[in-house]
Amino acid sequence: MEIIVPSFDLAQQNEILYEELMTAIGNVIKSGQLIMGPDVVKLEKSLASYCKTKQAIGVANGSDALYLALLAAGIGPGDEVITTPFTFFATASSIVRTGAKPVFCDIDLKTFNLAPQEIEKNLTSKTKAILPVHLYGQVAEMDKINAIAKAHNLVVIEDAAQALGASYDGRPACSFGDLACLSFYPTKNLGAFGEAGMVFSSNEELAKKVKLLRVHGSSRRYHHEILGFNCRLDTIQAAVLNVKLKYLPGWLSKRKAIAAQYDKELKGVPGLITPYTHPKAVHSYHQYVIKVKNRDEIYRKLQEQGISTMIYYPLALHLQPVFSNLGYKEGDFPLAEQATHEVLALPMYPEMTEEQVKFVCDKLKTCLIG
């Protein structure tokens, strides 16, 4: 059946902002400063202020943001980094790319985030960092995570790829760790017209290291101080993000309103659990993720009704074939594994109408209770 309600609709947003976006892109083209131009500097300053950090460093994508942050923190061969098995592949692959080993800990099944009480069970003499993920737009319990890190002299790197606009205990995502990382993949709360990312830090030495790493290890043209990479943020992407950043507060409000309507419509529906928000957290609703026991059947039935849903994520990282050498097996992280069988992301984007949300809820309830 033709899709009536997509999981995300970029076309609407692009159409609304078309003239403004084309003007911004045109200005970059006219300037000829296509790499690391003034729009990049403007975006870095704006987002550093928004996230309440001293430095923001634009990079090519979210995966590079994680990789460069880890390298800047001195993570390398022989080190261990604690993280969650219930996240996007890049979280763990970035650790492996440095030569370090990802050490997984189980999750809190209510928030889907790394469970702080599991961290200390997995600390060893090789542990150098904790890499929590703010999944779906909810910040992890950073007060507890930072306390553990401080007690054991560990670096904290936030994977905030899905959490721009979220906060915890009154502080924004990206302001808790020694370093923090964002993705501007097109479907994010703030999305580019392609790949783009950013690293945040209030530690001047770490920020300086990331700036070197993103441009071949060079602070002066053709003079290379360290082994770096080509991970720069394109000026056109920065120009697009500068336009969209002005609309982010309104889009976040719309996401919260949509989530509130979902909550109301789906309250008390048998066989369904709506998203939980920690009392200290403000959710940015990058995704609105429910839990249902017969997830795959519901996914298929909704698709047949013209509703596109997504599964983030169907296989935990410790069971991914590429990580088989780490020695994990099925059953090692039962809560993360349970989540992979139950989570279902309903359509969520700022341009959704109340009628569309109600349509999704009505069809979902029909699938569950007839």
Protein backbone atom coordinates (compact mmCIF):
# COMPACT_ATOMS: atom_id res chain seq x y z
CA MET A 1 0.00 0.00 0.00
CA GLU A 2 1.11 3.55 -0.65
CA ILE A 3 2.66 5.20 2.40
CA ILE A 4 0.25 7.73 3.90
CA VAL A 5 2.31 8.64 6.97
CA PRO A 6 6.09 8.32 6.52
CA SER A 7 8.40 7.79 9.46
CA PHE A 8 10.04 11.11 8.57
CA ASP A 9 9.30 13.66 5.85
CA LEU A 10 12.19 15.87 4.75
CA ALA A 11 10.38 17.17 1.69
CA GLN A 12 7.93 19.27 3.71
CA GLN A 13 10.66 20.98 5.72
CA ASN A 14 12.74 21.63 2.63
CA GLU A 15 9.78 23.14 0.80
CA ILE A 16 8.96 25.49 3.68
CA LEU A 17 12.56 26.73 3.92
CA TYR A 18 13.40 26.45 0.22
CA GLU A 19 14.02 30.12 -0.60
CA GLU A 20 16.01 30.77 2.56
CA LEU A 21 18.11 27.67 2.07
CA MET A 22 18.82 28.39 -1.59
CA THR A 23 19.89 31.94 -0.72
CA ALA A 24 22.31 30.66 1.92
CA ILE A 25 23.73 28.02 -0.44
CA GLY A 26 24.00 30.59 -3.23
CA ASN A 27 25.95 32.95 -0.99
CA VAL A 28 28.48 30.21 -0.25
CA ILE A 29 28.85 29.43 -3.94
CA LYS A 30 29.42 33.11 -4.73
CA SER A 31 32.01 33.42 -1.96
CA GLY A 32 34.06 30.50 -3.26
CA GLN A 33 34.89 29.51 0.34
CA LEU A 34 33.56 25.98 0.14
CA ILE A 35 35.71 24.43 2.87
CA MET A 36 35.90 25.83 6.43
CA GLY A 37 34.33 29.13 5.39
CA PRO A 38 32.76 31.73 7.70
CA ASP A 39 29.50 29.80 7.95
CA VAL A 40 31.40 27.02 9.73
CA VAL A 41 32.76 29.46 12.31
CA LYS A 42 29.29 30.97 12.78
CA LEU A 43 27.72 27.54 13.34
CA GLU A 44 30.44 26.51 15.79
CA LYS A 45 29.94 29.64 17.88
CA SER A 46 26.15 29.34 17.83
CA LEU A 47 26.12 25.69 18.88
CA ALA A 48 28.79 26.14 21.54
CA SER A 49 26.55 28.77 23.07
CA TYR A 50 23.42 26.62 22.65
CA CYS A 51 25.07 23.62 24.32
CA LYS A 52 26.84 25.71 26.95
CA THR A 53 30.35 24.59 26.09
CA LYS A 54 33.46 26.62 25.38
CA GLN A 55 34.30 25.02 22.05
CA ALA A 56 32.44 23.41 19.15
CA ILE A 57 34.43 21.95 16.26
CA GLY A 58 32.69 21.17 12.98
CA VAL A 59 33.62 17.85 11.35
CA ALA A 60 32.52 15.81 8.36
CA ASN A 61 29.97 13.55 10.09
CA GLY A 62 28.89 12.08 13.41
CA SER A 63 31.11 9.01 13.08
CA ASP A 64 34.18 11.19 12.57
CA ALA A 65 33.11 13.26 15.58
CA LEU A 66 33.23 10.14 17.77
CA TYR A 67 36.50 8.92 16.29
CA LEU A 68 38.30 12.26 16.65
CA ALA A 69 36.97 12.74 20.18
CA LEU A 70 38.33 9.35 21.22
CA LEU A 71 41.70 10.07 19.61
CA ALA A 72 41.87 13.51 21.22
CA ALA A 73 41.27 11.85 24.59
CA GLY A 74 44.26 9.59 23.98
CA ILE A 75 42.29 6.39 23.49
CA GLY A 76 44.25 3.77 21.58
CA PRO A 77 45.45 0.15 21.39
CA GLY A 78 45.19 -1.75 24.67
CA ASP A 79 42.58 0.60 26.14
CA GLU A 80 38.98 -0.27 27.00
CA VAL A 81 35.99 2.01 26.58
CA ILE A 82 32.71 1.25 28.33
CA THR A 83 29.58 1.81 26.26
CA THR A 84 26.14 0.44 25.48
CA PRO A 85 25.34 -2.46 23.13
CA PHE A 86 22.01 -0.84 22.24
CA THR A 87 22.94 1.97 19.90
CA PHE A 88 23.93 2.72 16.31
CA PHE A 89 26.98 0.87 14.98
CA ALA A 90 29.21 3.97 14.86
CA THR A 91 29.39 4.23 18.64
CA ALA A 92 31.33 0.98 18.94
CA SER A 93 33.04 1.03 15.54
CA SER A 94 34.65 4.38 16.41
CA ILE A 95 36.20 2.77 19.48
CA VAL A 96 37.51 -0.13 17.40
CA ARG A 97 38.95 2.27 14.82
CA THR A 98 41.27 3.68 17.50
CA GLY A 99 42.56 0.19 18.30
CA ALA A 100 40.76 0.15 21.66
CA LYS A 101 38.18 -2.40 22.81
CA PRO A 102 34.50 -1.58 23.39
CA VAL A 103 33.29 -3.07 26.67
CA PHE A 104 29.51 -3.31 26.72
CA CYS A 105 27.21 -2.83 29.70
CA ASP A 106 23.49 -3.52 29.82
CA ILE A 107 20.84 -0.82 29.62
CA ASP A 108 18.00 0.61 31.66
CA LEU A 109 14.98 -0.84 29.87
CA LYS A 110 12.86 2.21 30.69
CA THR A 111 15.15 4.88 29.19
CA PHE A 112 17.09 2.51 26.84
CA ASN A 113 20.29 4.24 28.00
CA LEU A 114 23.43 2.80 29.59
CA ALA A 115 22.61 1.68 33.15
CA PRO A 116 25.05 3.40 35.55
CA GLN A 117 24.94 0.51 38.03
CA GLU A 118 26.37 -1.80 35.36
CA ILE A 119 29.45 0.31 34.71
CA GLU A 120 31.51 -0.43 37.81
CA LYS A 121 31.00 -4.18 37.32
CA ASN A 122 32.95 -3.91 34.06
CA LEU A 123 35.82 -1.63 35.08
CA THR A 124 39.34 -2.99 34.67
CA SER A 125 42.84 -1.55 34.82
CA LYS A 126 42.55 -1.01 31.06
CA THR A 127 39.38 1.11 31.23
CA LYS A 128 40.15 4.64 30.03
CA ALA A 129 36.75 6.12 29.11
CA ILE A 130 32.98 5.86 29.33
CA LEU A 131 30.98 6.57 26.18
CA PRO A 132 27.27 6.92 27.08
CA VAL A 133 24.67 7.39 24.34
CA HIS A 134 21.66 9.69 24.75
CA LEU A 135 19.37 7.37 22.83
CA TYR A 136 16.28 8.60 20.99
CA GLY A 137 16.72 12.11 22.44
CA GLN A 138 16.93 11.38 26.19
CA VAL A 139 20.13 12.21 28.06
CA ALA A 140 21.64 9.35 30.06
CA GLU A 141 21.99 9.63 33.85
CA MET A 142 25.06 11.81 33.56
CA ASP A 143 25.28 12.73 37.26
CA LYS A 144 25.83 9.09 38.17
CA ILE A 145 28.04 8.37 35.14
CA ASN A 146 30.25 11.40 35.80
CA ALA A 147 30.57 10.44 39.47
CA ILE A 148 31.85 7.00 38.48
CA ALA A 149 34.24 8.55 35.95
CA LYS A 150 35.60 11.00 38.52
CA ALA A 151 36.13 8.26 41.10
CA HIS A 152 38.14 6.19 38.63
CA ASN A 153 39.83 9.00 36.67
CA LEU A 154 38.07 8.17 33.40
CA VAL A 155 37.32 10.33 30.38
CA VAL A 156 33.64 10.83 29.51
CA ILE A 157 32.61 11.23 25.87
CA GLU A 158 28.92 11.85 25.18
CA ASP A 159 27.38 10.36 22.06
CA ALA A 160 24.65 12.98 21.71
CA ALA A 161 23.99 12.28 18.03
CA GLN A 162 20.24 11.98 18.66
CA ALA A 163 19.91 14.44 21.54
CA LEU A 164 20.37 18.03 20.40
CA GLY A 165 17.80 20.03 22.37
CA ALA A 166 17.57 17.51 25.21
CA SER A 167 18.67 18.24 28.77
CA TYR A 168 19.24 16.57 32.13
CA ASP A 169 19.07 18.24 35.51
CA GLY A 170 18.80 21.61 33.78
CA ARG A 171 21.92 21.15 31.63
CA PRO A 172 21.90 20.59 27.87
CA ALA A 173 23.19 17.51 26.11
CA CYS A 174 26.87 17.95 25.14
CA SER A 175 27.71 19.90 28.33
CA PHE A 176 28.45 16.92 30.62
CA GLY A 177 31.43 15.09 29.15
CA ASP A 178 35.07 15.96 28.61
CA LEU A 179 34.01 15.73 24.97
CA ALA A 180 30.66 15.33 23.24
CA CYS A 181 29.60 14.48 19.71
CA LEU A 182 26.70 15.43 17.44
CA SER A 183 25.49 14.16 14.09
CA PHE A 184 23.63 16.34 11.60
CA TYR A 185 22.47 13.47 9.44
CA PRO A 186 19.45 14.76 7.46
CA THR A 187 16.83 13.08 9.66
CA LYS A 188 18.23 14.42 12.95
CA ASN A 189 16.44 17.16 14.92
CA LEU A 190 18.85 19.54 13.19
CA GLY A 191 19.77 17.98 9.86
CA ALA A 192 22.16 18.96 7.08
CA PHE A 193 21.77 18.36 3.34
CA GLY A 194 24.15 15.43 3.63
CA GLU A 195 26.74 14.40 6.19
CA ALA A 196 27.96 16.72 8.96
CA GLY A 197 28.96 16.48 12.61
CA MET A 198 30.42 18.37 15.54
CA VAL A 199 32.62 17.79 18.59
CA PHE A 200 32.15 19.82 21.79
CA SER A 201 34.51 20.41 24.68
CA SER A 202 35.15 22.94 27.42
CA ASN A 203 38.68 21.59 27.77
CA GLU A 204 40.87 23.82 25.63
CA GLU A 205 43.61 21.21 25.15
CA LEU A 206 41.14 18.56 23.97
CA ALA A 207 39.44 21.06 21.65
CA LYS A 208 42.80 22.05 20.19
CA LYS A 209 43.62 18.39 19.54
CA VAL A 210 40.30 17.82 17.71
CA LYS A 211 40.94 20.91 15.56
CA LEU A 212 44.32 19.49 14.58
CA LEU A 213 42.98 16.02 13.90
CA ARG A 214 40.21 17.22 11.57
CA VAL A 215 42.67 18.89 9.18
CA HIS A 216 45.59 16.48 8.67
CA GLY A 217 47.18 17.35 12.04
CA SER A 218 48.05 20.82 10.81
CA SER A 219 47.57 24.18 12.53
CA ARG A 220 49.64 25.92 9.84
CA ARG A 221 49.29 25.03 6.17
CA TYR A 222 51.69 22.28 5.05
CA HIS A 223 53.16 21.94 8.57
CA HIS A 224 51.88 18.79 10.29
CA GLU A 225 52.27 18.35 14.02
CA ILE A 226 50.41 15.06 14.45
CA LEU A 227 48.91 12.39 12.22
CA GLY A 228 45.50 13.79 11.39
CA PHE A 229 42.75 13.26 8.82
CA ASN A 230 40.53 15.06 6.36
CA CYS A 231 37.38 15.44 8.48
CA ARG A 232 36.38 19.03 7.78
CA LEU A 233 32.83 20.37 7.70
CA ASP A 234 31.74 21.68 4.29
CA THR A 235 30.72 25.34 4.28
CA ILE A 236 27.49 24.59 2.37
CA GLN A 237 26.42 22.14 5.07
CA ALA A 238 27.19 24.73 7.74
CA ALA A 239 25.17 27.35 5.83
CA VAL A 240 22.18 24.99 5.69
CA LEU A 241 22.48 24.28 9.40
CA ASN A 242 22.73 27.99 10.24
CA VAL A 243 19.39 28.55 8.49
CA LYS A 244 17.75 25.61 10.23
CA LEU A 245 19.14 26.39 13.69
CA LYS A 246 16.81 29.39 13.95
CA TYR A 247 13.84 27.05 13.66
CA LEU A 248 15.11 24.38 16.07
CA PRO A 249 13.27 25.68 19.19
CA GLY A 250 9.96 25.65 17.32
CA TRP A 251 10.62 22.18 15.90
CA LEU A 252 11.45 20.85 19.36
CA SER A 253 8.19 22.27 20.69
CA LYS A 254 6.31 20.56 17.86
CA ARG A 255 8.02 17.24 18.63
CA LYS A 256 7.02 17.50 22.28
CA ALA A 257 3.42 18.31 21.29
CA ILE A 258 3.32 15.31 18.97
CA ALA A 259 4.76 13.09 21.72
CA ALA A 260 2.14 14.41 24.16
CA GLN A 261 -0.64 13.56 21.68
CA TYR A 262 0.80 10.08 21.20
CA ASP A 263 0.95 9.66 25.00
CA LYS A 264 -2.68 10.71 25.38
CA GLU A 265 -4.00 8.62 22.50
CA LEU A 266 -2.08 5.49 23.51
CA LYS A 267 -2.48 5.66 27.28
CA GLY A 268 -3.66 2.39 28.71
CA VAL A 269 -3.64 0.47 25.41
CA PRO A 270 -3.07 -3.21 26.27
CA GLY A 271 0.21 -4.68 25.04
CA LEU A 272 1.88 -1.31 24.49
CA ILE A 273 4.32 0.74 26.58
CA THR A 274 4.82 4.41 25.70
CA PRO A 275 8.19 6.16 26.18
CA TYR A 276 9.42 6.86 29.70
CA THR A 277 11.15 10.13 30.54
CA HIS A 278 13.46 10.29 33.55
CA PRO A 279 12.26 12.89 36.12
CA LYS A 280 15.45 14.92 35.64
CA ALA A 281 15.32 14.79 31.84
CA VAL A 282 13.77 16.89 29.10
CA HIS A 283 13.30 14.63 26.08
CA SER A 284 13.94 16.04 22.59
CA TYR A 285 12.00 13.22 20.90
CA HIS A 286 14.33 12.53 18.03
CA GLN A 287 12.29 9.33 18.03
CA TYR A 288 9.05 8.32 19.73
CA VAL A 289 9.71 4.69 20.58
CA ILE A 290 7.09 2.33 21.97
CA LYS A 291 7.54 -1.22 23.20
CA VAL A 292 5.28 -4.02 21.95
CA LYS A 293 5.70 -7.78 22.40
CA ASN A 294 4.64 -8.76 18.88
CA ARG A 295 6.74 -6.00 17.32
CA ASP A 296 7.46 -7.53 13.93
CA GLU A 297 3.80 -8.33 13.34
CA ILE A 298 2.75 -4.79 14.31
CA TYR A 299 5.44 -3.33 12.05
CA ARG A 300 4.09 -5.34 9.12
CA LYS A 301 0.44 -4.53 9.81
CA LEU A 302 1.12 -0.79 10.07
CA GLN A 303 3.06 -0.90 6.81
CA GLU A 304 0.02 -2.50 5.19
CA GLN A 305 -2.09 0.39 6.53
CA GLY A 306 0.20 2.99 4.92
CA ILE A 307 2.19 3.84 8.05
CA SER A 308 5.98 3.68 7.96
CA THR A 309 7.68 2.79 11.25
CA MET A 310 11.33 2.06 12.03
CA ILE A 311 13.20 -0.38 14.26
CA TYR A 312 16.12 1.21 16.10
CA TYR A 313 17.81 -1.33 16.54
CA PRO A 314 17.01 -4.94 15.55
CA LEU A 315 20.34 -6.48 16.63
CA ALA A 316 22.42 -5.44 19.63
CA LEU A 317 26.06 -4.60 18.93
CA HIS A 318 27.53 -7.44 20.98
CA LEU A 319 25.77 -9.89 18.62
CA GLN A 320 26.88 -8.20 15.39
CA PRO A 321 29.05 -10.57 13.31
CA VAL A 322 31.79 -7.96 12.92
CA PHE A 323 32.26 -7.89 16.71
CA SER A 324 32.31 -11.67 17.21
CA ASN A 325 35.99 -11.46 18.18
CA LEU A 326 35.02 -9.60 21.36
CA GLY A 327 33.72 -12.87 22.78
CA TYR A 328 30.18 -11.88 23.68
CA LYS A 329 27.24 -14.23 23.27
CA GLU A 330 23.46 -14.16 23.30
CA GLY A 331 22.18 -13.67 26.82
CA ASP A 332 25.09 -11.50 28.00
CA PHE A 333 22.96 -8.34 28.00
CA PRO A 334 19.37 -9.52 28.39
CA LEU A 335 17.74 -6.10 28.66
CA ALA A 336 19.42 -4.76 25.52
CA GLU A 337 18.46 -7.96 23.73
CA GLN A 338 14.87 -7.65 24.93
CA ALA A 339 14.73 -4.10 23.61
CA THR A 340 15.84 -5.24 20.14
CA HIS A 341 12.73 -7.44 19.95
CA GLU A 342 10.24 -4.89 21.29
CA VAL A 343 11.09 -1.35 20.18
CA LEU A 344 9.17 0.38 17.41
CA ALA A 345 9.65 4.02 16.39
CA LEU A 346 6.41 5.68 15.33
CA PRO A 347 6.40 8.51 12.76
CA MET A 348 7.91 11.65 14.28
CA TYR A 349 8.72 14.92 12.54
CA PRO A 350 7.74 18.53 13.29
CA GLU A 351 5.44 18.87 10.30
CA MET A 352 3.16 16.01 11.37
CA THR A 353 -0.45 17.06 11.82
CA GLU A 354 -2.76 16.11 14.67
CA GLU A 355 -4.83 14.19 12.13
CA GLN A 356 -1.82 12.14 11.09
CA VAL A 357 -0.92 11.33 14.69
CA LYS A 358 -4.50 10.24 15.39
CA PHE A 359 -4.52 8.12 12.23
CA VAL A 360 -1.33 6.35 13.38
CA CYS A 361 -2.75 5.79 16.86
CA ASP A 362 -6.11 4.51 15.58
CA LYS A 363 -4.44 2.02 13.24
CA LEU A 364 -1.99 0.94 15.95
CA LYS A 365 -4.81 0.31 18.41
CA THR A 366 -6.66 -1.70 15.78
CA CYS A 367 -3.55 -3.83 15.24
CA LEU A 368 -3.22 -4.45 18.98
CA ILE A 369 -6.79 -4.87 20.18
CA GLY A 370 -8.90 -5.17 17.03
